[in-house]
Amino acid sequence: MWAYLLRRLGYTLLTLWGLTLITFVLTRVIPGDPARIAAGPQARQEQVEQVRRMYGLDKPLWVQYGIYMANLLRGDFGKSLWSKRPVIEDLRAYFLPTTELGLFAGLMFFCLGVPLGILSAVYRNSPLDHLSRLFALAGVSLPVFIFGLVLQLIFYKILGWFPAGGRIDPFIAPPRHLTGLYILDSLLTGNWRALLSSLHHIFLPSVTLAYGSLAVVSRMTRASLLEVLGQDYIRTARAKGLGERTVLLKHALRNAMVPILTITGLQIGSLLGGVLLVEIIFSWPGLGTYAYTAVTVLDVNAIMAITLVTGLLYTGVNLVVDLLYTVVDPRIRYR
């Protein structure tokens, strides 16, 4: 197990190094002058050159990359050309709202997708199964930005049930900072007004973000469970007189969990891709909004930091999924 973990960590470091190299080269060869953008449209050429020297953009490309990697190994992502603050401070400010949104959406698609897939498999070819298929087809076919705008139109514009965007009502003070997650901080401090407002604001963006993944997980759960239910040991368990619930949950579902965990890990990765559009649509002050601003103003240090953090999250999730295989299936061992 330890040898496997060390090998995977080595692959992770190699992947992250490749991400830094590719992103660094791309941010330097695309059209645009980061120094001109940072100095402002009315800046004189001398001021632009001063900004270029200040950020090291006047040095050869390989020297810039060497300086960046040396700083990165010390935990220094550089200074943002847009906010003029260290990028690590911007990441701390924008990462936690995205974490809260991602966790809420992830719990939503997993806790709803798996039971929906189980019901579809148990009641195969029933009206419930057909509705589930239609629901899944719409989820994988509807673009996230279209779905988000439709939800805003219905539940904000027409019905007025939910706010159009934001993280909390502007007239309600955020909960006392403990973790940076408004819902958890509200629970820990007993701030029920902030809790209700936070849940009210996070519902629509999390539904928008989770819908496509929910559809995929429910379909995978159905297919995997149907395959397991046709195995001989399931028929043997039923012949021994075990209850249908015991057969389904203890024997069938556990053996069907490996592909479900795999697709869940992949869908968590897809959440990182969809969060950009969702946060822009719902004015959510998270990493997606920060990435959009960084790309718009060609903030090279911020772009590289966001790419690196996203890559680290994606590889970390896949590593956790691989380790969970040994929990749900004791036959799997990493030697």
Protein backbone atom coordinates (compact mmCIF):
# COMPACT_ATOMS: atom_id res chain seq x y z
CA MET A 1 0.00 0.00 0.00
CA TRP A 2 2.74 2.47 0.95
CA ALA A 3 4.68 1.72 -2.23
CA TYR A 4 1.52 2.35 -4.23
CA LEU A 5 0.90 5.65 -2.44
CA LEU A 6 4.47 6.81 -3.05
CA ARG A 7 4.20 5.87 -6.72
CA ARG A 8 0.91 7.73 -7.10
CA LEU A 9 2.32 10.78 -5.34
CA GLY A 10 5.24 10.70 -7.76
CA TYR A 11 2.83 10.61 -10.70
CA THR A 12 0.90 13.48 -9.15
CA LEU A 13 4.00 15.63 -8.82
CA LEU A 14 4.96 14.84 -12.42
CA THR A 15 1.46 15.79 -13.59
CA LEU A 16 1.52 19.07 -11.68
CA TRP A 17 4.95 19.91 -13.08
CA GLY A 18 3.62 19.28 -16.60
CA LEU A 19 0.67 21.57 -15.85
CA THR A 20 2.97 24.37 -14.74
CA LEU A 21 5.15 24.01 -17.84
CA ILE A 22 2.26 23.94 -20.33
CA THR A 23 0.34 26.77 -18.65
CA PHE A 24 3.48 28.91 -18.33
CA VAL A 25 4.29 28.59 -22.03
CA LEU A 26 0.69 29.24 -23.12
CA THR A 27 0.35 32.38 -21.01
CA ARG A 28 3.51 33.77 -22.58
CA VAL A 29 2.79 33.00 -26.25
CA ILE A 30 -0.87 34.08 -26.48
CA PRO A 31 -1.52 37.59 -27.87
CA GLY A 32 -1.50 40.38 -25.30
CA ASP A 33 0.97 42.17 -23.08
CA PRO A 34 0.46 41.48 -19.36
CA ALA A 35 2.66 44.45 -18.45
CA ARG A 36 0.53 46.82 -20.56
CA ILE A 37 -2.67 45.46 -19.00
CA ALA A 38 -1.27 45.77 -15.46
CA ALA A 39 -0.01 49.32 -16.07
CA GLY A 40 -3.35 50.46 -17.50
CA PRO A 41 -4.46 51.66 -20.93
CA GLN A 42 -3.33 55.26 -20.27
CA ALA A 43 0.17 54.35 -19.01
CA ARG A 44 3.22 55.66 -20.80
CA GLN A 45 5.77 53.30 -22.32
CA GLU A 46 8.24 54.00 -19.52
CA GLN A 47 5.64 52.94 -16.96
CA VAL A 48 4.92 49.76 -18.91
CA GLU A 49 8.63 48.92 -18.97
CA GLN A 50 8.84 49.56 -15.24
CA VAL A 51 5.97 47.14 -14.60
CA ARG A 52 7.63 44.60 -16.91
CA ARG A 53 10.87 44.79 -14.92
CA MET A 54 9.02 44.69 -11.59
CA TYR A 55 7.29 41.40 -12.48
CA GLY A 56 10.32 39.93 -14.26
CA LEU A 57 8.59 39.87 -17.65
CA ASP A 58 11.66 41.36 -19.35
CA LYS A 59 13.79 38.25 -18.74
CA PRO A 60 14.13 35.28 -21.15
CA LEU A 61 11.35 32.71 -21.00
CA TRP A 62 13.45 29.97 -19.41
CA VAL A 63 14.71 32.37 -16.75
CA GLN A 64 11.15 33.43 -15.94
CA TYR A 65 10.11 29.79 -15.59
CA GLY A 66 13.08 29.01 -13.34
CA ILE A 67 12.23 31.95 -11.07
CA TYR A 68 8.57 30.91 -10.99
CA MET A 69 9.39 27.30 -10.02
CA ALA A 70 11.86 28.43 -7.34
CA ASN A 71 9.20 30.69 -5.83
CA LEU A 72 6.55 27.98 -6.17
CA LEU A 73 8.63 25.51 -4.14
CA ARG A 74 8.56 28.11 -1.34
CA GLY A 75 4.78 28.42 -1.60
CA ASP A 76 4.94 31.75 -3.41
CA PHE A 77 2.56 32.01 -6.38
CA GLY A 78 3.69 35.52 -7.18
CA LYS A 79 1.73 38.77 -7.17
CA SER A 80 -1.52 39.26 -9.07
CA LEU A 81 -1.31 41.76 -11.92
CA TRP A 82 -4.99 42.58 -11.38
CA SER A 83 -5.48 42.86 -7.60
CA LYS A 84 -1.84 43.80 -6.84
CA ARG A 85 -1.99 41.34 -3.92
CA PRO A 86 -0.12 38.03 -3.48
CA VAL A 87 -1.97 35.35 -5.43
CA ILE A 88 -2.01 33.09 -2.37
CA GLU A 89 -4.18 35.65 -0.54
CA ASP A 90 -6.61 35.80 -3.47
CA LEU A 91 -6.80 32.00 -3.51
CA ARG A 92 -7.65 31.94 0.19
CA ALA A 93 -10.45 34.47 -0.37
CA TYR A 94 -11.98 32.81 -3.43
CA PHE A 95 -11.32 29.12 -2.78
CA LEU A 96 -13.61 28.67 0.25
CA PRO A 97 -16.84 29.83 -1.48
CA THR A 98 -16.09 27.41 -4.33
CA THR A 99 -15.40 24.64 -1.83
CA GLU A 100 -18.75 25.23 -0.15
CA LEU A 101 -20.59 25.24 -3.48
CA GLY A 102 -18.73 22.13 -4.69
CA LEU A 103 -19.37 20.19 -1.48
CA PHE A 104 -23.07 21.05 -1.52
CA ALA A 105 -23.41 20.09 -5.19
CA GLY A 106 -21.37 16.90 -4.68
CA LEU A 107 -23.51 15.75 -1.77
CA MET A 108 -26.60 16.56 -3.80
CA PHE A 109 -25.71 14.55 -6.90
CA PHE A 110 -24.36 11.56 -4.95
CA CYS A 111 -27.08 11.36 -2.27
CA LEU A 112 -29.84 11.72 -4.89
CA GLY A 113 -28.21 10.00 -7.87
CA VAL A 114 -27.40 6.69 -6.17
CA PRO A 115 -30.90 6.14 -4.65
CA LEU A 116 -32.51 7.13 -7.96
CA GLY A 117 -30.34 4.59 -9.77
CA ILE A 118 -31.22 1.90 -7.22
CA LEU A 119 -34.94 2.53 -7.65
CA SER A 120 -34.58 2.43 -11.43
CA ALA A 121 -32.79 -0.93 -11.23
CA VAL A 122 -35.24 -2.45 -8.74
CA TYR A 123 -38.30 -1.26 -10.69
CA ARG A 124 -36.83 -1.92 -14.12
CA ASN A 125 -38.97 -0.85 -17.10
CA SER A 126 -41.56 0.67 -14.79
CA PRO A 127 -42.90 4.24 -15.19
CA LEU A 128 -40.39 5.32 -12.55
CA ASP A 129 -37.55 3.86 -14.61
CA HIS A 130 -38.76 5.59 -17.78
CA LEU A 131 -39.02 8.95 -15.96
CA SER A 132 -35.54 8.43 -14.58
CA ARG A 133 -34.20 7.84 -18.09
CA LEU A 134 -35.88 10.99 -19.34
CA PHE A 135 -34.49 12.91 -16.38
CA ALA A 136 -30.98 11.61 -17.07
CA LEU A 137 -31.22 12.34 -20.79
CA ALA A 138 -32.16 15.95 -20.07
CA GLY A 139 -29.34 16.23 -17.53
CA VAL A 140 -26.58 15.14 -19.91
CA SER A 141 -28.02 17.07 -22.87
CA LEU A 142 -28.76 20.46 -21.32
CA PRO A 143 -25.75 22.83 -21.13
CA VAL A 144 -25.07 24.09 -17.64
CA PHE A 145 -25.32 27.77 -18.59
CA ILE A 146 -28.73 27.23 -20.26
CA PHE A 147 -30.02 25.28 -17.26
CA GLY A 148 -28.84 27.96 -14.85
CA LEU A 149 -30.50 30.75 -16.81
CA VAL A 150 -33.74 28.75 -17.00
CA LEU A 151 -33.71 28.23 -13.22
CA GLN A 152 -33.15 31.95 -12.71
CA LEU A 153 -36.03 32.78 -15.03
CA ILE A 154 -38.47 30.42 -13.33
CA PHE A 155 -37.55 30.57 -9.66
CA TYR A 156 -36.36 34.20 -9.46
CA LYS A 157 -38.08 36.16 -12.20
CA ILE A 158 -41.45 34.40 -12.34
CA LEU A 159 -41.97 32.74 -8.94
CA GLY A 160 -39.63 34.85 -6.81
CA TRP A 161 -38.75 31.89 -4.59
CA PHE A 162 -34.94 32.16 -4.72
CA PRO A 163 -32.45 35.01 -5.20
CA ALA A 164 -30.77 35.52 -8.56
CA GLY A 165 -27.25 35.36 -7.15
CA GLY A 166 -24.86 36.12 -4.35
CA ARG A 167 -23.75 34.09 -1.36
CA ILE A 168 -25.86 35.68 1.39
CA ASP A 169 -28.45 38.42 1.69
CA PRO A 170 -26.72 41.84 1.62
CA PHE A 171 -28.76 42.95 4.65
CA ILE A 172 -27.58 39.99 6.76
CA ALA A 173 -24.10 39.93 8.27
CA PRO A 174 -22.05 36.84 7.40
CA PRO A 175 -21.47 34.38 10.26
CA ARG A 176 -18.36 34.69 12.39
CA HIS A 177 -15.40 33.32 10.45
CA LEU A 178 -14.36 29.89 11.70
CA THR A 179 -13.92 27.76 8.58
CA GLY A 180 -14.90 30.23 5.85
CA LEU A 181 -17.88 28.06 4.89
CA TYR A 182 -21.00 30.09 5.62
CA ILE A 183 -23.31 27.13 6.19
CA LEU A 184 -20.94 25.35 8.57
CA ASP A 185 -19.97 28.56 10.37
CA SER A 186 -23.66 29.44 10.84
CA LEU A 187 -24.30 26.02 12.39
CA LEU A 188 -21.28 26.24 14.69
CA THR A 189 -22.13 29.75 15.89
CA GLY A 190 -25.91 29.23 16.05
CA ASN A 191 -26.57 32.04 13.57
CA TRP A 192 -29.83 30.64 12.18
CA ARG A 193 -30.67 33.75 10.17
CA ALA A 194 -27.38 33.54 8.28
CA LEU A 195 -27.87 29.79 7.88
CA LEU A 196 -31.27 30.18 6.21
CA SER A 197 -29.99 32.93 3.97
CA SER A 198 -26.92 30.89 2.96
CA LEU A 199 -29.04 27.83 2.14
CA HIS A 200 -31.45 30.05 0.22
CA HIS A 201 -28.65 31.46 -1.92
CA ILE A 202 -26.71 28.24 -2.51
CA PHE A 203 -29.67 26.13 -3.65
CA LEU A 204 -30.04 27.24 -7.28
CA PRO A 205 -26.31 27.30 -8.16
CA SER A 206 -25.76 23.90 -6.54
CA VAL A 207 -28.73 22.38 -8.42
CA THR A 208 -27.37 23.84 -11.66
CA LEU A 209 -23.92 22.43 -10.97
CA ALA A 210 -25.13 19.02 -9.77
CA TYR A 211 -27.84 18.20 -12.32
CA GLY A 212 -25.63 16.78 -15.07
CA SER A 213 -23.54 14.74 -12.63
CA LEU A 214 -26.67 13.48 -10.87
CA ALA A 215 -27.99 12.13 -14.17
CA VAL A 216 -24.72 10.35 -14.97
CA VAL A 217 -24.39 8.81 -11.49
CA SER A 218 -27.98 7.57 -11.50
CA ARG A 219 -27.53 5.89 -14.89
CA MET A 220 -24.25 4.27 -13.85
CA THR A 221 -25.80 3.04 -10.59
CA ARG A 222 -28.70 1.50 -12.50
CA ALA A 223 -26.47 -0.23 -15.06
CA SER A 224 -23.99 -1.52 -12.48
CA LEU A 225 -26.68 -2.76 -10.12
CA LEU A 226 -28.59 -4.55 -12.88
CA GLU A 227 -25.42 -6.38 -13.88
CA VAL A 228 -24.78 -7.50 -10.29
CA LEU A 229 -28.40 -8.54 -9.70
CA GLY A 230 -28.07 -11.05 -12.54
CA GLN A 231 -25.13 -12.88 -10.92
CA ASP A 232 -25.39 -16.40 -9.50
CA TYR A 233 -24.52 -15.43 -5.92
CA ILE A 234 -27.51 -13.07 -5.81
CA ARG A 235 -29.82 -15.91 -6.80
CA THR A 236 -28.14 -18.09 -4.17
CA ALA A 237 -28.69 -15.43 -1.48
CA ARG A 238 -32.38 -15.22 -2.40
CA ALA A 239 -32.68 -19.01 -2.41
CA LYS A 240 -31.25 -19.10 1.13
CA GLY A 241 -34.20 -16.99 2.28
CA LEU A 242 -32.49 -13.63 2.77
CA GLY A 243 -34.76 -10.61 2.64
CA GLU A 244 -34.82 -8.54 -0.53
CA ARG A 245 -33.50 -5.46 1.28
CA THR A 246 -30.55 -7.45 2.67
CA VAL A 247 -29.78 -8.91 -0.75
CA LEU A 248 -29.98 -5.51 -2.40
CA LEU A 249 -28.05 -3.38 0.08
CA LYS A 250 -25.57 -5.82 1.60
CA HIS A 251 -24.73 -8.05 -1.34
CA ALA A 252 -25.66 -6.35 -4.61
CA LEU A 253 -24.99 -2.68 -3.95
CA ARG A 254 -21.60 -3.20 -2.32
CA ASN A 255 -20.37 -5.22 -5.29
CA ALA A 256 -21.72 -2.56 -7.66
CA MET A 257 -19.96 0.32 -5.89
CA VAL A 258 -16.60 0.19 -7.71
CA PRO A 259 -17.87 1.63 -11.03
CA ILE A 260 -20.13 4.02 -9.09
CA LEU A 261 -17.14 5.38 -7.18
CA THR A 262 -15.19 5.69 -10.43
CA ILE A 263 -17.85 7.76 -12.15
CA THR A 264 -18.34 9.81 -8.97
CA GLY A 265 -14.67 10.77 -8.97
CA LEU A 266 -14.87 11.78 -12.62
CA GLN A 267 -17.99 13.84 -11.98
CA ILE A 268 -16.31 15.70 -9.14
CA GLY A 269 -13.69 16.65 -11.69
CA SER A 270 -16.40 17.84 -14.06
CA LEU A 271 -17.78 20.05 -11.27
CA LEU A 272 -14.48 21.94 -11.34
CA GLY A 273 -15.05 22.64 -15.02
CA GLY A 274 -18.68 23.70 -14.67
CA VAL A 275 -18.13 25.91 -11.63
CA LEU A 276 -16.75 28.72 -13.82
CA LEU A 277 -20.02 29.26 -15.69
CA VAL A 278 -22.21 28.64 -12.65
CA GLU A 279 -20.38 31.20 -10.51
CA ILE A 280 -20.58 33.81 -13.25
CA ILE A 281 -24.31 33.23 -13.81
CA PHE A 282 -25.16 33.37 -10.10
CA SER A 283 -22.58 36.03 -9.09
CA TRP A 284 -20.94 33.56 -6.73
CA PRO A 285 -17.68 35.02 -5.36
CA GLY A 286 -15.58 31.92 -5.88
CA LEU A 287 -12.64 30.52 -7.79
CA GLY A 288 -14.56 30.44 -11.08
CA THR A 289 -15.23 34.18 -10.90
CA TYR A 290 -11.57 34.76 -10.04
CA ALA A 291 -10.48 32.61 -12.99
CA TYR A 292 -12.76 34.51 -15.36
CA THR A 293 -11.31 37.84 -14.22
CA ALA A 294 -7.74 36.51 -14.46
CA VAL A 295 -8.25 35.29 -18.03
CA THR A 296 -9.97 38.53 -19.04
CA VAL A 297 -7.10 40.75 -17.84
CA LEU A 298 -4.36 38.19 -18.69
CA ASP A 299 -3.25 37.86 -15.07
CA VAL A 300 -0.60 35.20 -15.75
CA ASN A 301 0.30 34.44 -12.12
CA ALA A 302 -3.34 33.98 -11.15
CA ILE A 303 -4.03 31.78 -14.19
CA MET A 304 -1.14 29.50 -13.35
CA ALA A 305 -2.13 29.26 -9.69
CA ILE A 306 -5.74 28.40 -10.54
CA THR A 307 -4.61 25.73 -13.02
CA LEU A 308 -2.27 24.21 -10.45
CA VAL A 309 -4.89 24.15 -7.68
CA THR A 310 -7.47 22.60 -10.02
CA GLY A 311 -5.02 19.93 -11.13
CA LEU A 312 -4.11 19.15 -7.53
CA LEU A 313 -7.79 18.77 -6.58
CA TYR A 314 -8.52 16.51 -9.56
CA THR A 315 -5.57 14.19 -8.94
CA GLY A 316 -6.31 14.16 -5.20
CA VAL A 317 -9.91 13.11 -5.77
CA ASN A 318 -8.81 10.28 -8.07
CA LEU A 319 -6.31 9.07 -5.47
CA VAL A 320 -9.01 9.03 -2.76
CA VAL A 321 -11.33 7.08 -5.09
CA ASP A 322 -8.61 4.49 -5.73
CA LEU A 323 -8.13 4.02 -1.99
CA LEU A 324 -11.88 3.67 -1.42
CA TYR A 325 -11.87 0.68 -3.79
CA THR A 326 -10.18 -1.37 -1.06
CA VAL A 327 -12.94 -0.42 1.39
CA VAL A 328 -15.92 -1.44 -0.75
CA ASP A 329 -14.20 -4.48 -2.28
CA PRO A 330 -11.76 -6.37 0.02
CA ARG A 331 -10.51 -8.39 -2.96
CA ILE A 332 -8.69 -5.31 -4.26
CA ARG A 333 -5.22 -4.92 -2.83
CA TYR A 334 -2.44 -2.53 -3.85
CA ARG A 335 0.94 -4.22 -3.54
